[in-house]
Protein backbone atom coordinates (compact mmCIF):
# COMPACT_ATOMS: atom_id res chain seq x y z
CA MET A 1 196.63 149.32 61.36
CA GLU A 2 194.90 145.96 61.61
CA ILE A 3 192.43 145.38 64.43
CA TYR A 4 193.27 142.14 66.20
CA PRO A 5 192.04 140.35 69.30
CA ARG A 6 193.85 141.45 72.46
CA GLY A 7 193.00 138.35 74.48
CA GLY A 8 192.38 140.10 77.77
CA SER A 9 194.76 140.41 80.69
CA VAL A 10 197.78 138.13 80.98
CA PHE A 11 197.20 137.65 84.70
CA PRO A 12 193.49 138.33 85.27
CA LEU A 13 192.47 139.19 88.82
CA GLU A 14 188.84 140.02 89.48
CA SER A 15 189.69 142.27 92.42
CA ILE A 16 192.11 144.49 90.47
CA GLN A 17 191.44 146.54 87.35
CA HIS A 18 194.42 145.63 85.17
CA THR A 19 195.66 148.13 82.62
CA GLY A 20 199.07 146.62 81.89
CA MET A 21 200.18 143.95 79.46
CA ASP A 22 197.46 142.04 77.66
CA LEU A 23 197.68 138.52 76.29
CA HIS A 24 198.50 139.71 72.76
CA ASP A 25 201.50 141.68 74.06
CA TRP A 26 202.70 138.69 76.09
CA LEU A 27 202.35 136.30 73.15
CA THR A 28 204.20 138.78 70.93
CA GLY A 29 207.09 138.85 73.40
CA ALA A 30 207.17 135.07 73.67
CA SER A 31 207.13 134.73 69.88
CA LEU A 32 209.86 137.33 69.53
CA ALA A 33 212.05 135.52 72.06
CA GLY A 34 211.62 132.28 70.14
CA LEU A 35 212.41 133.89 66.81
CA LEU A 36 215.50 135.66 68.16
CA ALA A 37 216.76 132.42 69.71
CA ASN A 38 217.55 131.16 66.20
CA PRO A 39 221.37 131.32 65.98
CA LYS A 40 221.20 131.51 62.17
CA LEU A 41 219.19 134.73 62.27
CA ASP A 42 221.10 137.93 61.52
CA VAL A 43 219.42 140.90 63.20
CA THR A 44 222.13 143.47 62.62
CA GLU A 45 219.95 145.47 60.21
CA THR A 46 217.05 147.51 61.58
CA ALA A 47 214.82 146.55 58.64
CA VAL A 48 215.34 142.86 59.37
CA LEU A 49 214.57 143.36 63.05
CA SER A 50 211.42 145.29 62.15
CA ASP A 51 210.29 142.36 59.98
CA ILE A 52 210.95 139.93 62.83
CA VAL A 53 208.91 142.02 65.26
CA GLU A 54 206.04 142.11 62.74
CA LEU A 55 206.25 138.32 62.36
CA ALA A 56 206.06 137.96 66.15
CA ARG A 57 202.92 140.14 66.19
CA GLN A 58 201.39 138.02 63.43
CA CYS A 59 202.15 134.85 65.41
CA ALA A 60 200.41 136.29 68.48
CA THR A 61 197.40 137.38 66.46
CA GLU A 62 197.04 133.94 64.90
CA VAL A 63 197.26 132.21 68.28
CA LEU A 64 194.43 134.39 69.60
CA ARG A 65 192.32 133.88 66.45
CA GLN A 66 192.61 130.13 66.76
CA LYS A 67 191.88 130.30 70.48
CA ALA A 68 188.72 132.31 69.77
CA GLU A 69 187.54 129.61 67.37
CA GLU A 70 187.74 126.85 70.02
């Protein structure tokens, strides 16, 4: 499995130790929602859906890589 930047907490609060969703997870979900919003996309096959989820993860990873370079 590839090691990728997690990006820290989605909603960072200094007074609370957060162990829930990190920024990478949130960006993956947002990317997945965008990809699945395409009406031309057929997700009836599990293999296709698995590929789409992987693409969403790759999108999130790339966003965090570019953010780290700023």
